[in-house]
Amino acid sequence: MKALKGLVAFLGLLLVVGLGLLGYGLYSKTHVKGAGTPVTASTSWTAPPAEFGTVQVPLPAGTRIEQMVASGDRVVLRLAGGGPDRLLVIDPGLGRVAGAFVFTPEPAAR
């Protein structure tokens, strides 16, 4: 019975110490050391770019936008029709096409 009481006391002590370490870890992650100000989700905020006007993105006739997804600071368009399927990567901050992925089928093996 003494061993069981000792084990329960030891585990209770471990629980208290663990919660204390967890609290300290959370506190140290949310505050900059020495500054005392909380860290935000995005610490490297930049001002919005100057207006870039209208950007023309030439597409072959018959091309349609199948899907549009924002990924970080880029917009990815999935295009179909008017040729092989492709992904067009646009940088809206700079107002230009950043690149494209064109999917071409491999020739069939004989």
PDB file of N, CA and C in Angstrom:
ATOM      1  N   MET A   1       0.825  -1.196   0.000  1.00  0.00           N
ATOM      2  CA  MET A   1       0.000   0.000   0.000  1.00  0.00           C
ATOM      3  C   MET A   1       0.870   1.261   0.000  1.00  0.00           C
ATOM      4  N   LYS A   2       2.000   1.214   0.720  1.00  0.00           N
ATOM      5  CA  LYS A   2       2.905   2.357   0.744  1.00  0.00           C
ATOM      6  C   LYS A   2       3.474   2.631  -0.654  1.00  0.00           C
ATOM      7  N   ALA A   3       3.777   1.568  -1.381  1.00  0.00           N
ATOM      8  CA  ALA A   3       4.336   1.728  -2.730  1.00  0.00           C
ATOM      9  C   ALA A   3       3.315   2.392  -3.656  1.00  0.00           C
ATOM     10  N   LEU A   4       2.048   2.022  -3.538  1.00  0.00           N
ATOM     11  CA  LEU A   4       0.996   2.600  -4.366  1.00  0.00           C
ATOM     12  C   LEU A   4       0.819   4.085  -4.051  1.00  0.00           C
ATOM     13  N   LYS A   5       0.842   4.452  -2.771  1.00  0.00           N
ATOM     14  CA  LYS A   5       0.734   5.862  -2.384  1.00  0.00           C
ATOM     15  C   LYS A   5       1.924   6.655  -2.910  1.00  0.00           C
ATOM     16  N   GLY A   6       3.090   6.081  -2.834  1.00  0.00           N
ATOM     17  CA  GLY A   6       4.297   6.739  -3.343  1.00  0.00           C
ATOM     18  C   GLY A   6       4.217   6.953  -4.852  1.00  0.00           C
ATOM     19  N   LEU A   7       3.713   5.920  -5.559  1.00  0.00           N
ATOM     20  CA  LEU A   7       3.573   6.019  -7.005  1.00  0.00           C
ATOM     21  C   LEU A   7       2.571   7.117  -7.391  1.00  0.00           C
ATOM     22  N   VAL A   8       1.440   7.173  -6.696  1.00  0.00           N
ATOM     23  CA  VAL A   8       0.431   8.204  -6.970  1.00  0.00           C
ATOM     24  C   VAL A   8       1.001   9.596  -6.692  1.00  0.00           C
ATOM     25  N   ALA A   9       1.749   9.766  -5.620  1.00  0.00           N
ATOM     26  CA  ALA A   9       2.345  11.059  -5.301  1.00  0.00           C
ATOM     27  C   ALA A   9       3.371  11.448  -6.358  1.00  0.00           C
ATOM     28  N   PHE A  10       4.174  10.491  -6.793  1.00  0.00           N
ATOM     29  CA  PHE A  10       5.184  10.758  -7.816  1.00  0.00           C
ATOM     30  C   PHE A  10       4.531  11.162  -9.141  1.00  0.00           C
ATOM     31  N   LEU A  11       3.500  10.446  -9.547  1.00  0.00           N
ATOM     32  CA  LEU A  11       2.812  10.775 -10.797  1.00  0.00           C
ATOM     33  C   LEU A  11       2.106  12.127 -10.700  1.00  0.00           C
ATOM     34  N   GLY A  12       1.557  12.461  -9.544  1.00  0.00           N
ATOM     35  CA  GLY A  12       0.950  13.771  -9.354  1.00  0.00           C
ATOM     36  C   GLY A  12       1.979  14.884  -9.487  1.00  0.00           C
ATOM     37  N   LEU A  13       3.159  14.649  -8.907  1.00  0.00           N
ATOM     38  CA  LEU A  13       4.244  15.623  -9.014  1.00  0.00           C
ATOM     39  C   LEU A  13       4.683  15.784 -10.471  1.00  0.00           C
ATOM     40  N   LEU A  14       4.787  14.682 -11.205  1.00  0.00           N
ATOM     41  CA  LEU A  14       5.139  14.747 -12.623  1.00  0.00           C
ATOM     42  C   LEU A  14       4.095  15.533 -13.419  1.00  0.00           C
ATOM     43  N   LEU A  15       2.839  15.350 -13.077  1.00  0.00           N
ATOM     44  CA  LEU A  15       1.760  16.068 -13.752  1.00  0.00           C
ATOM     45  C   LEU A  15       1.877  17.570 -13.515  1.00  0.00           C
ATOM     46  N   VAL A  16       2.117  17.981 -12.307  1.00  0.00           N
ATOM     47  CA  VAL A  16       2.250  19.401 -11.977  1.00  0.00           C
ATOM     48  C   VAL A  16       3.469  20.002 -12.674  1.00  0.00           C
ATOM     49  N   VAL A  17       4.595  19.290 -12.645  1.00  0.00           N
ATOM     50  CA  VAL A  17       5.813  19.784 -13.298  1.00  0.00           C
ATOM     51  C   VAL A  17       5.598  19.875 -14.820  1.00  0.00           C
ATOM     52  N   GLY A  18       4.958  18.876 -15.401  1.00  0.00           N
ATOM     53  CA  GLY A  18       4.691  18.884 -16.845  1.00  0.00           C
ATOM     54  C   GLY A  18       3.801  20.039 -17.258  1.00  0.00           C
ATOM     55  N   LEU A  19       2.756  20.315 -16.481  1.00  0.00           N
ATOM     56  CA  LEU A  19       1.888  21.452 -16.786  1.00  0.00           C
ATOM     57  C   LEU A  19       2.636  22.774 -16.648  1.00  0.00           C
ATOM     58  N   GLY A  20       3.517  22.849 -15.672  1.00  0.00           N
ATOM     59  CA  GLY A  20       4.326  24.059 -15.510  1.00  0.00           C
ATOM     60  C   GLY A  20       5.250  24.270 -16.696  1.00  0.00           C
ATOM     61  N   LEU A  21       5.887  23.205 -17.175  1.00  0.00           N
ATOM     62  CA  LEU A  21       6.763  23.317 -18.343  1.00  0.00           C
ATOM     63  C   LEU A  21       5.967  23.663 -19.610  1.00  0.00           C
ATOM     64  N   LEU A  22       4.787  23.108 -19.741  1.00  0.00           N
ATOM     65  CA  LEU A  22       3.930  23.425 -20.878  1.00  0.00           C
ATOM     66  C   LEU A  22       3.542  24.906 -20.863  1.00  0.00           C
ATOM     67  N   GLY A  23       3.163  25.425 -19.709  1.00  0.00           N
ATOM     68  CA  GLY A  23       2.822  26.837 -19.584  1.00  0.00           C
ATOM     69  C   GLY A  23       3.999  27.736 -19.910  1.00  0.00           C
ATOM     70  N   TYR A  24       5.184  27.374 -19.422  1.00  0.00           N
ATOM     71  CA  TYR A  24       6.383  28.162 -19.716  1.00  0.00           C
ATOM     72  C   TYR A  24       6.697  28.131 -21.215  1.00  0.00           C
ATOM     73  N   GLY A  25       6.565  26.969 -21.834  1.00  0.00           N
ATOM     74  CA  GLY A  25       6.824  26.859 -23.271  1.00  0.00           C
ATOM     75  C   GLY A  25       5.875  27.704 -24.090  1.00  0.00           C
ATOM     76  N   LEU A  26       4.594  27.678 -23.739  1.00  0.00           N
ATOM     77  CA  LEU A  26       3.617  28.498 -24.458  1.00  0.00           C
ATOM     78  C   LEU A  26       3.902  29.981 -24.266  1.00  0.00           C
ATOM     79  N   TYR A  27       4.260  30.372 -23.049  1.00  0.00           N
ATOM     80  CA  TYR A  27       4.562  31.764 -22.773  1.00  0.00           C
ATOM     81  C   TYR A  27       5.790  32.225 -23.558  1.00  0.00           C
ATOM     82  N   SER A  28       6.831  31.407 -23.591  1.00  0.00           N
ATOM     83  CA  SER A  28       8.059  31.811 -24.279  1.00  0.00           C
ATOM     84  C   SER A  28       7.885  31.832 -25.798  1.00  0.00           C
ATOM     85  N   LYS A  29       6.980  31.049 -26.350  1.00  0.00           N
ATOM     86  CA  LYS A  29       6.746  31.058 -27.795  1.00  0.00           C
ATOM     87  C   LYS A  29       5.913  32.257 -28.230  1.00  0.00           C
ATOM     88  N   THR A  30       5.088  32.810 -27.360  1.00  0.00           N
ATOM     89  CA  THR A  30       4.214  33.912 -27.747  1.00  0.00           C
ATOM     90  C   THR A  30       4.797  35.283 -27.444  1.00  0.00           C
ATOM     91  N   HIS A  31       5.947  35.356 -26.834  1.00  0.00           N
ATOM     92  CA  HIS A  31       6.558  36.643 -26.523  1.00  0.00           C
ATOM     93  C   HIS A  31       7.991  36.671 -27.030  1.00  0.00           C
ATOM     94  N   VAL A  32       8.365  37.819 -27.627  1.00  0.00           N
ATOM     95  CA  VAL A  32       9.731  38.006 -28.075  1.00  0.00           C
ATOM     96  C   VAL A  32      10.577  38.254 -26.840  1.00  0.00           C
ATOM     97  N   LYS A  33      11.681  37.579 -26.745  1.00  0.00           N
ATOM     98  CA  LYS A  33      12.536  37.734 -25.574  1.00  0.00           C
ATOM     99  C   LYS A  33      13.082  39.160 -25.506  1.00  0.00           C
ATOM    100  N   GLY A  34      12.879  39.804 -24.391  1.00  0.00           N
ATOM    101  CA  GLY A  34      13.391  41.145 -24.159  1.00  0.00           C
ATOM    102  C   GLY A  34      12.435  42.254 -24.586  1.00  0.00           C
ATOM    103  N   ALA A  35      11.583  42.010 -25.568  1.00  0.00           N
ATOM    104  CA  ALA A  35      10.701  43.072 -26.047  1.00  0.00           C
ATOM    105  C   ALA A  35       9.382  43.088 -25.298  1.00  0.00           C
ATOM    106  N   GLY A  36       8.891  41.921 -24.891  1.00  0.00           N
ATOM    107  CA  GLY A  36       7.639  41.844 -24.161  1.00  0.00           C
ATOM    108  C   GLY A  36       6.410  42.018 -25.033  1.00  0.00           C
ATOM    109  N   THR A  37       6.574  42.002 -26.360  1.00  0.00           N
ATOM    110  CA  THR A  37       5.430  42.130 -27.255  1.00  0.00           C
ATOM    111  C   THR A  37       5.136  40.782 -27.883  1.00  0.00           C
ATOM    112  N   PRO A  38       3.864  40.456 -28.045  1.00  0.00           N
ATOM    113  CA  PRO A  38       3.538  39.166 -28.633  1.00  0.00           C
ATOM    114  C   PRO A  38       3.961  39.067 -30.095  1.00  0.00           C
ATOM    115  N   VAL A  39       4.302  37.873 -30.515  1.00  0.00           N
ATOM    116  CA  VAL A  39       4.663  37.606 -31.903  1.00  0.00           C
ATOM    117  C   VAL A  39       3.384  37.327 -32.668  1.00  0.00           C
ATOM    118  N   THR A  40       3.218  37.967 -33.814  1.00  0.00           N
ATOM    119  CA  THR A  40       2.027  37.735 -34.623  1.00  0.00           C
ATOM    120  C   THR A  40       2.279  36.582 -35.585  1.00  0.00           C
ATOM    121  N   ALA A  41       1.222  36.141 -36.256  1.00  0.00           N
ATOM    122  CA  ALA A  41       1.343  35.016 -37.187  1.00  0.00           C
ATOM    123  C   ALA A  41       2.264  35.363 -38.345  1.00  0.00           C
ATOM    124  N   SER A  42       2.224  36.581 -38.830  1.00  0.00           N
ATOM    125  CA  SER A  42       3.078  37.003 -39.932  1.00  0.00           C
ATOM    126  C   SER A  42       3.949  38.153 -39.451  1.00  0.00           C
ATOM    127  N   THR A  43       5.204  37.862 -39.130  1.00  0.00           N
ATOM    128  CA  THR A  43       6.089  38.895 -38.611  1.00  0.00           C
ATOM    129  C   THR A  43       6.745  39.701 -39.712  1.00  0.00           C
ATOM    130  N   SER A  44       6.695  39.231 -40.962  1.00  0.00           N
ATOM    131  CA  SER A  44       7.342  39.955 -42.052  1.00  0.00           C
ATOM    132  C   SER A  44       6.282  40.548 -42.985  1.00  0.00           C
ATOM    133  N   TRP A  45       5.482  41.458 -42.467  1.00  0.00           N
ATOM    134  CA  TRP A  45       4.433  42.087 -43.261  1.00  0.00           C
ATOM    135  C   TRP A  45       5.055  43.130 -44.159  1.00  0.00           C
ATOM    136  N   THR A  46       4.635  43.159 -45.417  1.00  0.00           N
ATOM    137  CA  THR A  46       5.112  44.180 -46.340  1.00  0.00           C
ATOM    138  C   THR A  46       3.918  44.998 -46.818  1.00  0.00           C
ATOM    139  N   ALA A  47       4.186  46.208 -47.194  1.00  0.00           N
ATOM    140  CA  ALA A  47       3.122  47.090 -47.677  1.00  0.00           C
ATOM    141  C   ALA A  47       2.581  46.551 -48.999  1.00  0.00           C
ATOM    142  N   PRO A  48       1.312  46.788 -49.277  1.00  0.00           N
ATOM    143  CA  PRO A  48       0.773  46.320 -50.556  1.00  0.00           C
ATOM    144  C   PRO A  48       1.490  46.996 -51.719  1.00  0.00           C
ATOM    145  N   PRO A  49       1.674  46.279 -52.832  1.00  0.00           N
ATOM    146  CA  PRO A  49       2.387  46.863 -53.962  1.00  0.00           C
ATOM    147  C   PRO A  49       1.580  47.974 -54.615  1.00  0.00           C
ATOM    148  N   ALA A  50       2.264  48.772 -55.372  1.00  0.00           N
ATOM    149  CA  ALA A  50       1.579  49.834 -56.111  1.00  0.00           C
ATOM    150  C   ALA A  50       0.623  49.202 -57.113  1.00  0.00           C
ATOM    151  N   GLU A  51      -0.402  49.927 -57.444  1.00  0.00           N
ATOM    152  CA  GLU A  51      -1.390  49.423 -58.387  1.00  0.00           C
ATOM    153  C   GLU A  51      -0.708  49.151 -59.727  1.00  0.00           C
ATOM    154  N   PHE A  52      -1.005  47.996 -60.334  1.00  0.00           N
ATOM    155  CA  PHE A  52      -0.336  47.635 -61.580  1.00  0.00           C
ATOM    156  C   PHE A  52      -1.260  47.710 -62.785  1.00  0.00           C
ATOM    157  N   GLY A  53      -2.496  48.079 -62.597  1.00  0.00           N
ATOM    158  CA  GLY A  53      -3.411  48.244 -63.716  1.00  0.00           C
ATOM    159  C   GLY A  53      -3.958  46.918 -64.226  1.00  0.00           C
ATOM    160  N   THR A  54      -4.197  46.829 -65.530  1.00  0.00           N
ATOM    161  CA  THR A  54      -4.755  45.632 -66.144  1.00  0.00           C
ATOM    162  C   THR A  54      -3.638  44.814 -66.765  1.00  0.00           C
ATOM    163  N   VAL A  55      -3.634  43.517 -66.478  1.00  0.00           N
ATOM    164  CA  VAL A  55      -2.626  42.614 -67.021  1.00  0.00           C
ATOM    165  C   VAL A  55      -3.305  41.699 -68.028  1.00  0.00           C
ATOM    166  N   GLN A  56      -2.803  41.656 -69.243  1.00  0.00           N
ATOM    167  CA  GLN A  56      -3.329  40.786 -70.283  1.00  0.00           C
ATOM    168  C   GLN A  56      -2.619  39.438 -70.194  1.00  0.00           C
ATOM    169  N   VAL A  57      -3.377  38.354 -70.079  1.00  0.00           N
ATOM    170  CA  VAL A  57      -2.827  36.999 -70.076  1.00  0.00           C
ATOM    171  C   VAL A  57      -3.364  36.296 -71.312  1.00  0.00           C
ATOM    172  N   PRO A  58      -2.529  36.167 -72.347  1.00  0.00           N
ATOM    173  CA  PRO A  58      -3.014  35.554 -73.584  1.00  0.00           C
ATOM    174  C   PRO A  58      -3.247  34.050 -73.408  1.00  0.00           C
ATOM    175  N   LEU A  59      -4.406  33.584 -73.863  1.00  0.00           N
ATOM    176  CA  LEU A  59      -4.748  32.167 -73.811  1.00  0.00           C
ATOM    177  C   LEU A  59      -5.217  31.738 -75.193  1.00  0.00           C
ATOM    178  N   PRO A  60      -4.923  30.513 -75.596  1.00  0.00           N
ATOM    179  CA  PRO A  60      -5.405  30.033 -76.892  1.00  0.00           C
ATOM    180  C   PRO A  60      -6.931  30.008 -76.926  1.00  0.00           C
ATOM    181  N   ALA A  61      -7.496  30.131 -78.118  1.00  0.00           N
ATOM    182  CA  ALA A  61      -8.952  30.100 -78.280  1.00  0.00           C
ATOM    183  C   ALA A  61      -9.485  28.760 -77.777  1.00  0.00           C
ATOM    184  N   GLY A  62     -10.608  28.782 -77.108  1.00  0.00           N
ATOM    185  CA  GLY A  62     -11.221  27.560 -76.583  1.00  0.00           C
ATOM    186  C   GLY A  62     -10.734  27.174 -75.199  1.00  0.00           C
ATOM    187  N   THR A  63      -9.821  27.942 -74.621  1.00  0.00           N
ATOM    188  CA  THR A  63      -9.315  27.640 -73.282  1.00  0.00           C
ATOM    189  C   THR A  63     -10.321  28.104 -72.246  1.00  0.00           C
ATOM    190  N   ARG A  64     -10.514  27.297 -71.230  1.00  0.00           N
ATOM    191  CA  ARG A  64     -11.416  27.682 -70.138  1.00  0.00           C
ATOM    192  C   ARG A  64     -10.710  27.430 -68.799  1.00  0.00           C
ATOM    193  N   ILE A  65     -11.052  28.238 -67.828  1.00  0.00           N
ATOM    194  CA  ILE A  65     -10.493  28.084 -66.477  1.00  0.00           C
ATOM    195  C   ILE A  65     -11.316  27.019 -65.761  1.00  0.00           C
ATOM    196  N   GLU A  66     -10.669  25.910 -65.425  1.00  0.00           N
ATOM    197  CA  GLU A  66     -11.339  24.811 -64.735  1.00  0.00           C
ATOM    198  C   GLU A  66     -11.351  25.024 -63.223  1.00  0.00           C
ATOM    199  N   GLN A  67     -10.276  25.604 -62.701  1.00  0.00           N
ATOM    200  CA  GLN A  67     -10.166  25.777 -61.253  1.00  0.00           C
ATOM    201  C   GLN A  67      -9.197  26.916 -60.966  1.00  0.00           C
ATOM    202  N   MET A  68      -9.451  27.627 -59.863  1.00  0.00           N
ATOM    203  CA  MET A  68      -8.561  28.693 -59.426  1.00  0.00           C
ATOM    204  C   MET A  68      -8.313  28.514 -57.935  1.00  0.00           C
ATOM    205  N   VAL A  69      -7.027  28.500 -57.535  1.00  0.00           N
ATOM    206  CA  VAL A  69      -6.655  28.267 -56.137  1.00  0.00           C
ATOM    207  C   VAL A  69      -5.608  29.298 -55.732  1.00  0.00           C
ATOM    208  N   ALA A  70      -5.809  29.934 -54.580  1.00  0.00           N
ATOM    209  CA  ALA A  70      -4.803  30.829 -54.021  1.00  0.00           C
ATOM    210  C   ALA A  70      -3.857  29.986 -53.179  1.00  0.00           C
ATOM    211  N   SER A  71      -2.568  30.122 -53.438  1.00  0.00           N
ATOM    212  CA  SER A  71      -1.554  29.355 -52.715  1.00  0.00           C
ATOM    213  C   SER A  71      -0.454  30.313 -52.282  1.00  0.00           C
ATOM    214  N   GLY A  72      -0.471  30.689 -51.010  1.00  0.00           N
ATOM    215  CA  GLY A  72       0.504  31.655 -50.519  1.00  0.00           C
ATOM    216  C   GLY A  72       0.272  33.000 -51.182  1.00  0.00           C
ATOM    217  N   ASP A  73       1.314  33.545 -51.818  1.00  0.00           N
ATOM    218  CA  ASP A  73       1.173  34.828 -52.505  1.00  0.00           C
ATOM    219  C   ASP A  73       0.999  34.647 -54.009  1.00  0.00           C
ATOM    220  N   ARG A  74       0.610  33.459 -54.436  1.00  0.00           N
ATOM    221  CA  ARG A  74       0.384  33.155 -55.857  1.00  0.00           C
ATOM    222  C   ARG A  74      -1.033  32.668 -56.077  1.00  0.00           C
ATOM    223  N   VAL A  75      -1.512  32.788 -57.303  1.00  0.00           N
ATOM    224  CA  VAL A  75      -2.796  32.244 -57.712  1.00  0.00           C
ATOM    225  C   VAL A  75      -2.507  31.230 -58.809  1.00  0.00           C
ATOM    226  N   VAL A  76      -3.046  30.022 -58.663  1.00  0.00           N
ATOM    227  CA  VAL A  76      -2.824  28.964 -59.646  1.00  0.00           C
ATOM    228  C   VAL A  76      -4.135  28.719 -60.386  1.00  0.00           C
ATOM    229  N   LEU A  77      -4.073  28.806 -61.713  1.00  0.00           N
ATOM    230  CA  LEU A  77      -5.236  28.553 -62.564  1.00  0.00           C
ATOM    231  C   LEU A  77      -5.029  27.230 -63.285  1.00  0.00           C
ATOM    232  N   ARG A  78      -6.034  26.352 -63.238  1.00  0.00           N
ATOM    233  CA  ARG A  78      -5.988  25.106 -64.009  1.00  0.00           C
ATOM    234  C   ARG A  78      -6.780  25.357 -65.278  1.00  0.00           C
ATOM    235  N   LEU A  79      -6.096  25.289 -66.414  1.00  0.00           N
ATOM    236  CA  LEU A  79      -6.693  25.603 -67.705  1.00  0.00           C
ATOM    237  C   LEU A  79      -6.870  24.326 -68.519  1.00  0.00           C
ATOM    238  N   ALA A  80      -7.974  24.242 -69.247  1.00  0.00           N
ATOM    239  CA  ALA A  80      -8.243  23.090 -70.106  1.00  0.00           C
ATOM    240  C   ALA A  80      -8.800  23.596 -71.428  1.00  0.00           C
ATOM    241  N   GLY A  81      -8.654  22.785 -72.466  1.00  0.00           N
ATOM    242  CA  GLY A  81      -9.142  23.155 -73.784  1.00  0.00           C
ATOM    243  C   GLY A  81      -8.161  24.057 -74.496  1.00  0.00           C
ATOM    244  N   GLY A  82      -8.290  24.138 -75.810  1.00  0.00           N
ATOM    245  CA  GLY A  82      -7.403  25.008 -76.580  1.00  0.00           C
ATOM    246  C   GLY A  82      -5.973  24.520 -76.597  1.00  0.00           C
ATOM    247  N   GLY A  83      -5.749  23.232 -76.432  1.00  0.00           N
ATOM    248  CA  GLY A  83      -4.403  22.665 -76.385  1.00  0.00           C
ATOM    249  C   GLY A  83      -4.273  21.759 -75.177  1.00  0.00           C
ATOM    250  N   PRO A  84      -3.042  21.440 -74.793  1.00  0.00           N
ATOM    251  CA  PRO A  84      -2.871  20.551 -73.635  1.00  0.00           C
ATOM    252  C   PRO A  84      -3.296  21.245 -72.333  1.00  0.00           C
ATOM    253  N   ASP A  85      -3.704  20.448 -71.360  1.00  0.00           N
ATOM    254  CA  ASP A  85      -4.048  21.011 -70.054  1.00  0.00           C
ATOM    255  C   ASP A  85      -2.794  21.625 -69.437  1.00  0.00           C
ATOM    256  N   ARG A  86      -2.999  22.662 -68.649  1.00  0.00           N
ATOM    257  CA  ARG A  86      -1.859  23.351 -68.056  1.00  0.00           C
ATOM    258  C   ARG A  86      -2.251  24.069 -66.774  1.00  0.00           C
ATOM    259  N   LEU A  87      -1.227  24.386 -65.977  1.00  0.00           N
ATOM    260  CA  LEU A  87      -1.378  25.197 -64.773  1.00  0.00           C
ATOM    261  C   LEU A  87      -0.674  26.517 -65.030  1.00  0.00           C
ATOM    262  N   LEU A  88      -1.354  27.601 -64.767  1.00  0.00           N
ATOM    263  CA  LEU A  88      -0.789  28.926 -64.942  1.00  0.00           C
ATOM    264  C   LEU A  88      -0.629  29.544 -63.555  1.00  0.00           C
ATOM    265  N   VAL A  89       0.587  29.943 -63.209  1.00  0.00           N
ATOM    266  CA  VAL A  89       0.884  30.508 -61.895  1.00  0.00           C
ATOM    267  C   VAL A  89       1.009  32.019 -62.050  1.00  0.00           C
ATOM    268  N   ILE A  90       0.174  32.750 -61.314  1.00  0.00           N
ATOM    269  CA  ILE A  90       0.132  34.205 -61.417  1.00  0.00           C
ATOM    270  C   ILE A  90       0.559  34.816 -60.087  1.00  0.00           C
ATOM    271  N   ASP A  91       1.369  35.862 -60.160  1.00  0.00           N
ATOM    272  CA  ASP A  91       1.780  36.620 -58.976  1.00  0.00           C
ATOM    273  C   ASP A  91       0.966  37.910 -58.963  1.00  0.00           C
ATOM    274  N   PRO A  92      -0.141  37.952 -58.194  1.00  0.00           N
ATOM    275  CA  PRO A  92      -0.975  39.156 -58.216  1.00  0.00           C
ATOM    276  C   PRO A  92      -0.292  40.364 -57.590  1.00  0.00           C
ATOM    277  N   GLY A  93       0.679  40.150 -56.718  1.00  0.00           N
ATOM    278  CA  GLY A  93       1.379  41.271 -56.104  1.00  0.00           C
ATOM    279  C   GLY A  93       2.199  42.052 -57.112  1.00  0.00           C
ATOM    280  N   LEU A  94       2.777  41.349 -58.091  1.00  0.00           N
ATOM    281  CA  LEU A  94       3.578  42.009 -59.123  1.00  0.00           C
ATOM    282  C   LEU A  94       2.788  42.236 -60.402  1.00  0.00           C
ATOM    283  N   GLY A  95       1.612  41.596 -60.512  1.00  0.00           N
ATOM    284  CA  GLY A  95       0.782  41.761 -61.694  1.00  0.00           C
ATOM    285  C   GLY A  95       1.354  41.102 -62.928  1.00  0.00           C
ATOM    286  N   ARG A  96       1.893  39.884 -62.759  1.00  0.00           N
ATOM    287  CA  ARG A  96       2.481  39.197 -63.914  1.00  0.00           C
ATOM    288  C   ARG A  96       2.309  37.690 -63.770  1.00  0.00           C
ATOM    289  N   VAL A  97       2.498  37.002 -64.890  1.00  0.00           N
ATOM    290  CA  VAL A  97       2.478  35.543 -64.889  1.00  0.00           C
ATOM    291  C   VAL A  97       3.839  35.074 -64.386  1.00  0.00           C
ATOM    292  N   ALA A  98       3.847  34.279 -63.313  1.00  0.00           N
ATOM    293  CA  ALA A  98       5.097  33.802 -62.732  1.00  0.00           C
ATOM    294  C   ALA A  98       5.632  32.584 -63.475  1.00  0.00           C
ATOM    295  N   GLY A  99       4.750  31.783 -64.062  1.00  0.00           N
ATOM    296  CA  GLY A  99       5.196  30.600 -64.787  1.00  0.00           C
ATOM    297  C   GLY A  99       4.021  29.738 -65.172  1.00  0.00           C
ATOM    298  N   ALA A 100       4.319  28.654 -65.873  1.00  0.00           N
ATOM    299  CA  ALA A 100       3.262  27.751 -66.321  1.00  0.00           C
ATOM    300  C   ALA A 100       3.794  26.329 -66.356  1.00  0.00           C
ATOM    301  N   PHE A 101       2.902  25.389 -66.132  1.00  0.00           N
ATOM    302  CA  PHE A 101       3.188  23.971 -66.271  1.00  0.00           C
ATOM    303  C   PHE A 101       2.288  23.450 -67.382  1.00  0.00           C
ATOM    304  N   VAL A 102       2.884  22.932 -68.445  1.00  0.00           N
ATOM    305  CA  VAL A 102       2.124  22.393 -69.570  1.00  0.00           C
ATOM    306  C   VAL A 102       2.245  20.876 -69.524  1.00  0.00           C
ATOM    307  N   PHE A 103       1.097  20.199 -69.541  1.00  0.00           N
ATOM    308  CA  PHE A 103       1.075  18.739 -69.454  1.00  0.00           C
ATOM    309  C   PHE A 103       0.943  18.158 -70.848  1.00  0.00           C
ATOM    310  N   THR A 104       2.003  17.544 -71.320  1.00  0.00           N
ATOM    311  CA  THR A 104       1.994  16.919 -72.644  1.00  0.00           C
ATOM    312  C   THR A 104       2.064  15.413 -72.466  1.00  0.00           C
ATOM    313  N   PRO A 105       1.223  14.673 -73.192  1.00  0.00           N
ATOM    314  CA  PRO A 105       1.245  13.217 -73.055  1.00  0.00           C
ATOM    315  C   PRO A 105       2.491  12.621 -73.694  1.00  0.00           C
ATOM    316  N   GLU A 106       3.004  11.583 -73.059  1.00  0.00           N
ATOM    317  CA  GLU A 106       4.139  10.870 -73.630  1.00  0.00           C
ATOM    318  C   GLU A 106       3.653   9.988 -74.766  1.00  0.00           C
ATOM    319  N   PRO A 107       4.493   9.730 -75.757  1.00  0.00           N
ATOM    320  CA  PRO A 107       4.060   8.835 -76.823  1.00  0.00           C
ATOM    321  C   PRO A 107       3.822   7.430 -76.278  1.00  0.00           C
ATOM    322  N   ALA A 108       2.835   6.757 -76.833  1.00  0.00           N
ATOM    323  CA  ALA A 108       2.489   5.410 -76.369  1.00  0.00           C
ATOM    324  C   ALA A 108       3.616   4.448 -76.689  1.00  0.00           C
ATOM    325  N   ALA A 109       3.887   3.554 -75.755  1.00  0.00           N
ATOM    326  CA  ALA A 109       4.918   2.523 -75.971  1.00  0.00           C
ATOM    327  C   ALA A 109       4.385   1.478 -76.933  1.00  0.00           C
ATOM    328  N   ARG A 110       5.247   0.993 -77.824  1.00  0.00           N
ATOM    329  CA  ARG A 110       4.806   0.002 -78.817  1.00  0.00           C
ATOM    330  C   ARG A 110       5.052  -1.385 -78.348  1.00  0.00           C
TER     331      ARG A 110
END
